[in-house]
N, C-alpha and C. Protein backbone atom coordinates (compact mmCIF):
# COMPACT_ATOMS: atom_id res chain seq x y z
N MET A 1 0.85 -1.16 0.00
CA MET A 1 0.00 0.00 0.00
C MET A 1 0.90 1.24 0.00
N SER A 2 0.75 2.08 -0.98
CA SER A 2 1.59 3.26 -1.10
C SER A 2 1.07 4.38 -0.20
N LEU A 3 1.90 5.40 -0.05
CA LEU A 3 1.49 6.55 0.75
C LEU A 3 0.24 7.22 0.15
N GLU A 4 0.15 7.23 -1.17
CA GLU A 4 -1.02 7.82 -1.82
C GLU A 4 -2.28 7.03 -1.47
N HIS A 5 -2.16 5.70 -1.46
CA HIS A 5 -3.30 4.85 -1.12
C HIS A 5 -3.69 5.06 0.35
N ILE A 6 -2.71 5.14 1.21
CA ILE A 6 -2.97 5.37 2.63
C ILE A 6 -3.64 6.73 2.82
N SER A 7 -3.12 7.74 2.13
CA SER A 7 -3.71 9.07 2.23
C SER A 7 -5.15 9.07 1.75
N ALA A 8 -5.43 8.36 0.67
CA ALA A 8 -6.80 8.28 0.16
C ALA A 8 -7.71 7.59 1.16
N LYS A 9 -7.23 6.52 1.79
CA LYS A 9 -8.01 5.80 2.79
C LYS A 9 -8.30 6.70 3.99
N ILE A 10 -7.30 7.46 4.42
CA ILE A 10 -7.48 8.37 5.55
C ILE A 10 -8.47 9.47 5.19
N ASP A 11 -8.35 9.99 3.98
CA ASP A 11 -9.32 11.02 3.54
C ASP A 11 -10.73 10.45 3.56
N GLN A 12 -10.89 9.21 3.15
CA GLN A 12 -12.21 8.57 3.15
C GLN A 12 -12.75 8.45 4.58
N LEU A 13 -11.90 8.03 5.52
CA LEU A 13 -12.33 7.90 6.91
C LEU A 13 -12.69 9.27 7.49
N ARG A 14 -11.92 10.27 7.16
CA ARG A 14 -12.20 11.61 7.68
C ARG A 14 -13.48 12.19 7.07
N GLU A 15 -13.75 11.85 5.84
CA GLU A 15 -15.00 12.30 5.22
C GLU A 15 -16.18 11.61 5.90
N GLN A 16 -16.01 10.33 6.25
CA GLN A 16 -17.06 9.64 7.01
C GLN A 16 -17.30 10.35 8.34
N ALA A 17 -16.22 10.74 9.00
CA ALA A 17 -16.35 11.46 10.28
C ALA A 17 -17.07 12.78 10.08
N ASN A 18 -16.71 13.49 9.04
CA ASN A 18 -17.36 14.76 8.74
C ASN A 18 -18.85 14.56 8.49
N THR A 19 -19.20 13.53 7.74
CA THR A 19 -20.61 13.22 7.48
C THR A 19 -21.35 12.90 8.77
N GLU A 20 -20.72 12.11 9.62
CA GLU A 20 -21.33 11.76 10.92
C GLU A 20 -21.57 13.03 11.76
N HIS A 21 -20.60 13.93 11.77
CA HIS A 21 -20.76 15.19 12.51
C HIS A 21 -21.94 15.99 11.97
N ARG A 22 -22.01 16.12 10.64
CA ARG A 22 -23.12 16.89 10.04
C ARG A 22 -24.47 16.25 10.38
N GLN A 23 -24.53 14.92 10.31
CA GLN A 23 -25.78 14.24 10.64
C GLN A 23 -26.18 14.47 12.09
N PHE A 24 -25.19 14.48 12.98
CA PHE A 24 -25.47 14.75 14.39
C PHE A 24 -26.03 16.17 14.56
N LEU A 25 -25.39 17.13 13.91
CA LEU A 25 -25.86 18.52 14.02
C LEU A 25 -27.28 18.67 13.47
N ASP A 26 -27.56 17.98 12.37
CA ASP A 26 -28.93 18.00 11.82
C ASP A 26 -29.92 17.37 12.80
N PHE A 27 -29.51 16.24 13.38
CA PHE A 27 -30.36 15.56 14.36
C PHE A 27 -30.63 16.47 15.55
N LYS A 28 -29.57 17.07 16.05
CA LYS A 28 -29.68 17.95 17.22
C LYS A 28 -30.61 19.13 16.92
N ALA A 29 -30.43 19.75 15.76
CA ALA A 29 -31.29 20.88 15.39
C ALA A 29 -32.75 20.44 15.27
N GLY A 30 -32.97 19.26 14.72
CA GLY A 30 -34.33 18.74 14.59
C GLY A 30 -34.98 18.48 15.93
N VAL A 31 -34.23 17.90 16.86
CA VAL A 31 -34.76 17.61 18.19
C VAL A 31 -35.04 18.92 18.94
N GLU A 32 -34.09 19.85 18.85
CA GLU A 32 -34.27 21.11 19.56
C GLU A 32 -35.47 21.91 19.06
N SER A 33 -35.80 21.77 17.80
CA SER A 33 -36.93 22.54 17.25
C SER A 33 -38.26 21.79 17.35
N ASP A 34 -38.22 20.55 17.78
CA ASP A 34 -39.44 19.74 17.87
C ASP A 34 -40.18 20.09 19.17
N THR A 35 -41.37 20.59 19.02
CA THR A 35 -42.14 21.04 20.18
C THR A 35 -42.82 19.90 20.92
N ARG A 36 -42.74 18.70 20.39
CA ARG A 36 -43.39 17.56 21.06
C ARG A 36 -42.59 17.06 22.26
N TYR A 37 -41.32 17.45 22.37
CA TYR A 37 -40.46 16.97 23.45
C TYR A 37 -40.29 18.02 24.53
N THR A 38 -40.17 17.54 25.75
CA THR A 38 -39.82 18.43 26.86
C THR A 38 -38.33 18.73 26.75
N SER A 39 -37.87 19.71 27.48
CA SER A 39 -36.44 20.03 27.44
C SER A 39 -35.60 18.87 27.97
N THR A 40 -36.13 18.16 28.97
CA THR A 40 -35.42 16.99 29.51
C THR A 40 -35.33 15.89 28.46
N ALA A 41 -36.44 15.63 27.77
CA ALA A 41 -36.44 14.60 26.72
C ALA A 41 -35.49 14.98 25.59
N LYS A 42 -35.46 16.25 25.23
CA LYS A 42 -34.55 16.72 24.19
C LYS A 42 -33.10 16.47 24.59
N SER A 43 -32.78 16.82 25.83
CA SER A 43 -31.42 16.61 26.34
C SER A 43 -31.04 15.14 26.31
N GLU A 44 -31.94 14.29 26.72
CA GLU A 44 -31.66 12.85 26.75
C GLU A 44 -31.44 12.31 25.34
N LEU A 45 -32.29 12.70 24.40
CA LEU A 45 -32.14 12.24 23.02
C LEU A 45 -30.81 12.71 22.42
N ILE A 46 -30.49 13.97 22.65
CA ILE A 46 -29.24 14.51 22.12
C ILE A 46 -28.04 13.85 22.78
N ASP A 47 -28.09 13.62 24.09
CA ASP A 47 -26.99 12.96 24.79
C ASP A 47 -26.79 11.53 24.29
N GLU A 48 -27.87 10.81 24.05
CA GLU A 48 -27.77 9.44 23.51
C GLU A 48 -27.10 9.46 22.14
N GLU A 49 -27.50 10.38 21.31
CA GLU A 49 -26.92 10.48 19.96
C GLU A 49 -25.46 10.91 20.03
N ARG A 50 -25.14 11.81 20.95
CA ARG A 50 -23.75 12.25 21.13
C ARG A 50 -22.88 11.07 21.58
N THR A 51 -23.40 10.24 22.46
CA THR A 51 -22.66 9.06 22.92
C THR A 51 -22.41 8.10 21.76
N ARG A 52 -23.45 7.89 20.94
CA ARG A 52 -23.28 7.04 19.77
C ARG A 52 -22.23 7.61 18.82
N LEU A 53 -22.26 8.94 18.64
CA LEU A 53 -21.30 9.59 17.76
C LEU A 53 -19.88 9.46 18.30
N ARG A 54 -19.70 9.62 19.60
CA ARG A 54 -18.36 9.48 20.19
C ARG A 54 -17.80 8.08 19.95
N THR A 55 -18.64 7.08 20.10
CA THR A 55 -18.20 5.70 19.84
C THR A 55 -17.80 5.54 18.38
N ARG A 56 -18.60 6.08 17.49
CA ARG A 56 -18.31 6.00 16.04
C ARG A 56 -17.02 6.74 15.70
N MET A 57 -16.81 7.91 16.30
CA MET A 57 -15.59 8.68 16.03
C MET A 57 -14.35 7.93 16.54
N ALA A 58 -14.46 7.31 17.70
CA ALA A 58 -13.34 6.53 18.23
C ALA A 58 -13.02 5.37 17.30
N ASP A 59 -14.05 4.74 16.76
CA ASP A 59 -13.85 3.63 15.82
C ASP A 59 -13.17 4.12 14.54
N LEU A 60 -13.63 5.22 13.99
CA LEU A 60 -13.02 5.76 12.77
C LEU A 60 -11.57 6.18 13.00
N GLN A 61 -11.30 6.80 14.14
CA GLN A 61 -9.93 7.19 14.45
C GLN A 61 -9.03 5.97 14.58
N GLU A 62 -9.53 4.94 15.22
CA GLU A 62 -8.74 3.71 15.36
C GLU A 62 -8.48 3.07 14.00
N GLN A 63 -9.47 3.10 13.12
CA GLN A 63 -9.27 2.59 11.76
C GLN A 63 -8.16 3.36 11.05
N GLU A 64 -8.17 4.68 11.21
CA GLU A 64 -7.13 5.52 10.60
C GLU A 64 -5.75 5.13 11.11
N LEU A 65 -5.63 5.02 12.41
CA LEU A 65 -4.34 4.65 12.99
C LEU A 65 -3.90 3.26 12.55
N ASN A 66 -4.85 2.34 12.44
CA ASN A 66 -4.51 0.98 12.01
C ASN A 66 -4.02 0.93 10.58
N VAL A 67 -4.56 1.76 9.71
CA VAL A 67 -4.08 1.81 8.33
C VAL A 67 -2.58 2.15 8.32
N VAL A 68 -2.21 3.13 9.12
CA VAL A 68 -0.81 3.56 9.19
C VAL A 68 0.04 2.50 9.86
N ARG A 69 -0.43 1.96 10.98
CA ARG A 69 0.35 0.93 11.71
C ARG A 69 0.60 -0.30 10.85
N GLU A 70 -0.39 -0.72 10.09
CA GLU A 70 -0.24 -1.90 9.23
C GLU A 70 0.83 -1.67 8.18
N ARG A 71 0.87 -0.47 7.61
CA ARG A 71 1.90 -0.17 6.61
C ARG A 71 3.27 -0.12 7.26
N ILE A 72 3.37 0.45 8.45
CA ILE A 72 4.65 0.47 9.16
C ILE A 72 5.14 -0.96 9.41
N ASP A 73 4.24 -1.82 9.87
CA ASP A 73 4.62 -3.22 10.10
C ASP A 73 5.09 -3.89 8.82
N ALA A 74 4.38 -3.65 7.73
CA ALA A 74 4.76 -4.27 6.45
C ALA A 74 6.13 -3.78 5.99
N LEU A 75 6.38 -2.49 6.13
CA LEU A 75 7.69 -1.95 5.74
C LEU A 75 8.81 -2.50 6.62
N ASN A 76 8.57 -2.56 7.92
CA ASN A 76 9.58 -3.12 8.82
C ASN A 76 9.88 -4.57 8.47
N LYS A 77 8.84 -5.34 8.19
CA LYS A 77 9.06 -6.74 7.81
C LYS A 77 9.83 -6.84 6.50
N SER A 78 9.53 -5.97 5.56
CA SER A 78 10.25 -5.98 4.28
C SER A 78 11.73 -5.66 4.49
N LEU A 79 12.00 -4.69 5.34
CA LEU A 79 13.40 -4.36 5.62
C LEU A 79 14.13 -5.51 6.29
N HIS A 80 13.47 -6.13 7.26
CA HIS A 80 14.14 -7.22 7.98
C HIS A 80 14.23 -8.49 7.14
N ARG A 81 13.27 -8.70 6.24
CA ARG A 81 13.37 -9.86 5.34
C ARG A 81 14.56 -9.69 4.41
N ALA A 82 14.84 -8.45 4.02
CA ALA A 82 15.99 -8.18 3.16
C ALA A 82 17.29 -8.53 3.89
N ASP A 83 17.26 -8.46 5.22
CA ASP A 83 18.44 -8.82 6.01
C ASP A 83 18.57 -10.33 6.16
N GLY A 84 17.51 -11.07 5.93
CA GLY A 84 17.53 -12.52 6.09
C GLY A 84 16.64 -12.96 7.22
N SER A 85 16.34 -14.26 7.24
CA SER A 85 15.41 -14.74 8.27
C SER A 85 15.89 -16.00 8.99
N SER A 86 17.08 -16.47 8.69
CA SER A 86 17.58 -17.64 9.41
C SER A 86 18.05 -17.21 10.80
N GLY A 87 18.32 -18.18 11.64
CA GLY A 87 18.80 -17.87 12.98
C GLY A 87 20.08 -17.06 12.94
N ALA A 88 20.99 -17.43 12.04
CA ALA A 88 22.26 -16.70 11.91
C ALA A 88 22.00 -15.27 11.43
N ASP A 89 21.03 -15.11 10.52
CA ASP A 89 20.71 -13.76 10.02
C ASP A 89 20.16 -12.89 11.13
N ILE A 90 19.33 -13.47 11.97
CA ILE A 90 18.72 -12.71 13.06
C ILE A 90 19.79 -12.28 14.06
N ILE A 91 20.73 -13.17 14.36
CA ILE A 91 21.83 -12.83 15.26
C ILE A 91 22.70 -11.75 14.63
N ALA A 92 22.97 -11.88 13.33
CA ALA A 92 23.77 -10.87 12.63
C ALA A 92 23.07 -9.52 12.65
N LEU A 93 21.77 -9.54 12.47
CA LEU A 93 20.99 -8.29 12.51
C LEU A 93 21.07 -7.66 13.89
N ARG A 94 20.88 -8.46 14.92
CA ARG A 94 20.95 -7.93 16.29
C ARG A 94 22.33 -7.33 16.55
N ASP A 95 23.38 -8.04 16.17
CA ASP A 95 24.74 -7.54 16.38
C ASP A 95 24.98 -6.26 15.57
N ALA A 96 24.47 -6.24 14.35
CA ALA A 96 24.63 -5.06 13.50
C ALA A 96 23.92 -3.86 14.11
N GLU A 97 22.70 -4.08 14.62
CA GLU A 97 21.95 -2.99 15.25
C GLU A 97 22.71 -2.44 16.46
N GLU A 98 23.25 -3.34 17.28
CA GLU A 98 24.02 -2.90 18.45
C GLU A 98 25.26 -2.12 18.03
N ARG A 99 25.93 -2.59 16.98
CA ARG A 99 27.12 -1.91 16.49
C ARG A 99 26.76 -0.52 15.94
N ALA A 100 25.69 -0.45 15.18
CA ALA A 100 25.26 0.84 14.62
C ALA A 100 24.84 1.81 15.72
N ASP A 101 24.22 1.30 16.77
CA ASP A 101 23.79 2.15 17.88
C ASP A 101 24.97 2.81 18.59
N ARG A 102 26.15 2.19 18.52
CA ARG A 102 27.33 2.74 19.18
C ARG A 102 28.03 3.83 18.35
N VAL A 103 27.63 3.98 17.10
CA VAL A 103 28.25 4.99 16.23
C VAL A 103 27.87 6.37 16.76
N GLU A 104 28.87 7.24 16.87
CA GLU A 104 28.63 8.54 17.51
C GLU A 104 28.56 9.72 16.55
N ASN A 105 29.07 9.56 15.32
CA ASN A 105 29.01 10.70 14.39
C ASN A 105 28.92 10.21 12.96
N ASP A 106 28.67 11.15 12.06
CA ASP A 106 28.44 10.76 10.67
C ASP A 106 29.70 10.25 9.98
N ASN A 107 30.89 10.75 10.37
CA ASN A 107 32.12 10.24 9.76
C ASN A 107 32.32 8.76 10.10
N GLU A 108 32.11 8.43 11.34
CA GLU A 108 32.23 7.03 11.78
C GLU A 108 31.17 6.17 11.07
N ALA A 109 29.96 6.68 10.97
CA ALA A 109 28.89 5.94 10.30
C ALA A 109 29.21 5.73 8.83
N TYR A 110 29.77 6.76 8.18
CA TYR A 110 30.12 6.66 6.77
C TYR A 110 31.17 5.58 6.54
N ARG A 111 32.20 5.58 7.38
CA ARG A 111 33.25 4.55 7.26
C ARG A 111 32.69 3.15 7.48
N LEU A 112 31.84 3.01 8.48
CA LEU A 112 31.24 1.71 8.78
C LEU A 112 30.33 1.26 7.64
N LEU A 113 29.58 2.16 7.07
CA LEU A 113 28.73 1.84 5.93
C LEU A 113 29.57 1.40 4.74
N GLU A 114 30.62 2.12 4.45
CA GLU A 114 31.52 1.75 3.34
C GLU A 114 32.06 0.33 3.52
N ARG A 115 32.51 0.03 4.72
CA ARG A 115 33.01 -1.33 4.99
C ARG A 115 31.91 -2.37 4.80
N ALA A 116 30.73 -2.07 5.27
CA ALA A 116 29.61 -3.01 5.14
C ALA A 116 29.25 -3.23 3.67
N ILE A 117 29.23 -2.16 2.90
CA ILE A 117 28.92 -2.28 1.47
C ILE A 117 29.96 -3.12 0.77
N HIS A 118 31.23 -2.84 1.01
CA HIS A 118 32.32 -3.59 0.35
C HIS A 118 32.37 -5.04 0.78
N ALA A 119 31.98 -5.31 2.01
CA ALA A 119 31.99 -6.70 2.50
C ALA A 119 30.70 -7.44 2.14
N GLY A 120 29.72 -6.72 1.62
CA GLY A 120 28.44 -7.35 1.32
C GLY A 120 27.64 -7.67 2.57
N ASP A 121 27.90 -6.94 3.64
CA ASP A 121 27.20 -7.14 4.91
C ASP A 121 25.94 -6.27 4.94
N ARG A 122 24.89 -6.81 4.36
CA ARG A 122 23.64 -6.05 4.25
C ARG A 122 23.05 -5.74 5.62
N SER A 123 23.16 -6.66 6.56
CA SER A 123 22.62 -6.40 7.91
C SER A 123 23.25 -5.17 8.53
N LEU A 124 24.57 -5.08 8.43
CA LEU A 124 25.25 -3.92 9.01
C LEU A 124 24.95 -2.65 8.21
N ALA A 125 24.92 -2.76 6.89
CA ALA A 125 24.62 -1.58 6.08
C ALA A 125 23.23 -1.04 6.39
N TYR A 126 22.25 -1.92 6.51
CA TYR A 126 20.88 -1.48 6.82
C TYR A 126 20.80 -0.91 8.23
N ALA A 127 21.53 -1.50 9.16
CA ALA A 127 21.51 -0.99 10.54
C ALA A 127 22.12 0.42 10.58
N VAL A 128 23.22 0.61 9.87
CA VAL A 128 23.84 1.94 9.82
C VAL A 128 22.90 2.92 9.13
N LEU A 129 22.25 2.47 8.08
CA LEU A 129 21.29 3.32 7.38
C LEU A 129 20.16 3.75 8.30
N ARG A 130 19.59 2.81 9.04
CA ARG A 130 18.51 3.17 9.96
C ARG A 130 18.99 4.18 11.00
N ARG A 131 20.19 3.98 11.49
CA ARG A 131 20.77 4.92 12.48
C ARG A 131 20.99 6.29 11.85
N ALA A 132 21.50 6.31 10.62
CA ALA A 132 21.78 7.57 9.93
C ALA A 132 20.50 8.35 9.68
N VAL A 133 19.46 7.66 9.28
CA VAL A 133 18.18 8.33 9.06
C VAL A 133 17.66 8.91 10.37
N GLY A 134 17.76 8.13 11.42
CA GLY A 134 17.26 8.58 12.73
C GLY A 134 18.02 9.77 13.29
N THR A 135 19.27 9.93 12.91
CA THR A 135 20.07 11.03 13.45
C THR A 135 20.26 12.17 12.46
N GLY A 136 19.78 11.99 11.24
CA GLY A 136 19.88 13.06 10.25
C GLY A 136 21.23 13.15 9.55
N TRP A 137 21.95 12.05 9.49
CA TRP A 137 23.24 12.04 8.80
C TRP A 137 23.01 11.83 7.30
N THR A 138 22.72 12.92 6.61
CA THR A 138 22.31 12.82 5.20
C THR A 138 23.40 12.28 4.29
N ARG A 139 24.63 12.58 4.55
CA ARG A 139 25.73 12.08 3.71
C ARG A 139 25.76 10.56 3.74
N VAL A 140 25.51 9.98 4.89
CA VAL A 140 25.49 8.52 5.04
C VAL A 140 24.28 7.95 4.32
N VAL A 141 23.14 8.60 4.48
CA VAL A 141 21.93 8.14 3.80
C VAL A 141 22.11 8.21 2.28
N ASP A 142 22.71 9.29 1.80
CA ASP A 142 22.94 9.43 0.36
C ASP A 142 23.85 8.32 -0.15
N ARG A 143 24.88 7.99 0.61
CA ARG A 143 25.78 6.91 0.19
C ARG A 143 25.05 5.57 0.20
N ALA A 144 24.24 5.32 1.20
CA ALA A 144 23.48 4.08 1.27
C ALA A 144 22.51 3.98 0.11
N ALA A 145 21.94 5.10 -0.28
CA ALA A 145 20.97 5.11 -1.38
C ALA A 145 21.61 4.67 -2.69
N GLU A 146 22.88 4.90 -2.84
CA GLU A 146 23.58 4.46 -4.05
C GLU A 146 23.60 2.93 -4.15
N SER A 147 23.76 2.27 -3.03
CA SER A 147 23.85 0.80 -3.02
C SER A 147 22.53 0.12 -2.69
N TYR A 148 21.71 0.77 -1.90
CA TYR A 148 20.45 0.17 -1.43
C TYR A 148 19.29 1.15 -1.61
N PRO A 149 18.96 1.51 -2.83
CA PRO A 149 17.92 2.53 -3.03
C PRO A 149 16.55 2.12 -2.48
N ARG A 150 16.20 0.86 -2.59
CA ARG A 150 14.89 0.43 -2.10
C ARG A 150 14.80 0.54 -0.58
N ALA A 151 15.87 0.21 0.11
CA ALA A 151 15.90 0.31 1.58
C ALA A 151 15.71 1.76 2.01
N VAL A 152 16.33 2.69 1.30
CA VAL A 152 16.20 4.11 1.64
C VAL A 152 14.75 4.54 1.42
N GLU A 153 14.13 4.07 0.34
CA GLU A 153 12.72 4.40 0.10
C GLU A 153 11.85 3.90 1.26
N TYR A 154 12.09 2.66 1.69
CA TYR A 154 11.32 2.10 2.80
C TYR A 154 11.49 2.95 4.06
N ILE A 155 12.72 3.31 4.35
CA ILE A 155 13.00 4.04 5.58
C ILE A 155 12.41 5.45 5.51
N ASN A 156 12.51 6.09 4.35
CA ASN A 156 11.89 7.42 4.21
C ASN A 156 10.38 7.33 4.39
N GLU A 157 9.77 6.29 3.83
CA GLU A 157 8.33 6.12 4.01
C GLU A 157 7.99 5.85 5.47
N LEU A 158 8.81 5.03 6.13
CA LEU A 158 8.60 4.78 7.56
C LEU A 158 8.65 6.08 8.36
N ASN A 159 9.60 6.93 8.05
CA ASN A 159 9.71 8.20 8.76
C ASN A 159 8.47 9.06 8.54
N GLU A 160 7.98 9.10 7.31
CA GLU A 160 6.76 9.87 7.04
C GLU A 160 5.59 9.31 7.83
N LEU A 161 5.47 7.99 7.86
CA LEU A 161 4.36 7.35 8.57
C LEU A 161 4.46 7.58 10.07
N HIS A 162 5.67 7.49 10.62
CA HIS A 162 5.83 7.76 12.06
C HIS A 162 5.50 9.23 12.36
N GLY A 163 5.86 10.12 11.45
CA GLY A 163 5.49 11.52 11.62
C GLY A 163 3.98 11.70 11.61
N PHE A 164 3.32 10.89 10.80
CA PHE A 164 1.87 10.97 10.76
C PHE A 164 1.27 10.49 12.08
N LEU A 165 1.87 9.49 12.68
CA LEU A 165 1.35 9.00 13.95
C LEU A 165 1.68 9.94 15.10
N ASP A 166 2.91 10.44 15.12
CA ASP A 166 3.43 11.14 16.29
C ASP A 166 3.57 12.66 16.12
N GLY A 167 3.53 13.15 14.91
CA GLY A 167 3.75 14.57 14.67
C GLY A 167 2.65 15.44 15.27
N PHE A 168 3.03 16.60 15.74
CA PHE A 168 2.08 17.50 16.39
C PHE A 168 0.93 17.87 15.46
N ASN A 169 1.25 18.28 14.24
CA ASN A 169 0.19 18.69 13.30
C ASN A 169 -0.75 17.54 13.00
N ALA A 170 -0.19 16.36 12.78
CA ALA A 170 -1.03 15.20 12.48
C ALA A 170 -1.95 14.86 13.65
N GLN A 171 -1.40 14.92 14.86
CA GLN A 171 -2.22 14.64 16.04
C GLN A 171 -3.30 15.70 16.22
N PHE A 172 -2.96 16.96 15.93
CA PHE A 172 -3.92 18.04 16.06
C PHE A 172 -5.08 17.85 15.08
N VAL A 173 -4.75 17.55 13.82
CA VAL A 173 -5.79 17.35 12.80
C VAL A 173 -6.67 16.16 13.18
N ARG A 174 -6.05 15.09 13.63
CA ARG A 174 -6.81 13.90 14.04
C ARG A 174 -7.75 14.26 15.20
N SER A 175 -7.25 15.01 16.14
CA SER A 175 -8.07 15.41 17.29
C SER A 175 -9.25 16.26 16.84
N MET A 176 -9.00 17.19 15.96
CA MET A 176 -10.08 18.05 15.48
C MET A 176 -11.09 17.27 14.66
N THR A 177 -10.62 16.27 13.95
CA THR A 177 -11.52 15.49 13.09
C THR A 177 -12.45 14.59 13.89
N TYR A 178 -11.93 13.96 14.93
CA TYR A 178 -12.68 12.91 15.61
C TYR A 178 -13.24 13.31 16.99
N THR A 179 -13.05 14.55 17.40
CA THR A 179 -13.57 14.98 18.70
C THR A 179 -15.03 15.40 18.55
N VAL A 180 -15.82 15.00 19.51
CA VAL A 180 -17.24 15.36 19.54
C VAL A 180 -17.44 16.34 20.69
N SER A 181 -18.04 17.48 20.37
CA SER A 181 -18.28 18.46 21.44
C SER A 181 -19.72 18.42 21.90
């Protein structure tokens, strides 16, 4: 599922939320203008509908988050499958991740990446790449992209998706979309 597809799915969910909000406002206006109900009955009807709407909004928001989480999981699995799946591969990946985590600057990361590329050590190269992306070492990412362009695409997409989950603007928009007042 591409970012465009995910964005389209999210837009669809948000449009559903917008429709639900409009229907609630129409319902509320109809109840408030209906002279057959007492003010207490009107309040109860509106509160029941508001409760139903809150449940629906929570469900739509969870669906939105799940669309993003599922893509993140798929990308992570794709990256780790590229590293291998045997017991030895998993141990190599763990060791590579630990080694990459100890890298303190972009010069050290660049040298380590070069060695990994020349040795054909994909686990170490991917681990250094993930570290470089996380710390903003663009020179290292650019070098990795020359040898592993697909991995860089995956990691860039992962970063965008994590920003969508955790970014302030994304959280604000989600809150405004799915909150019922």
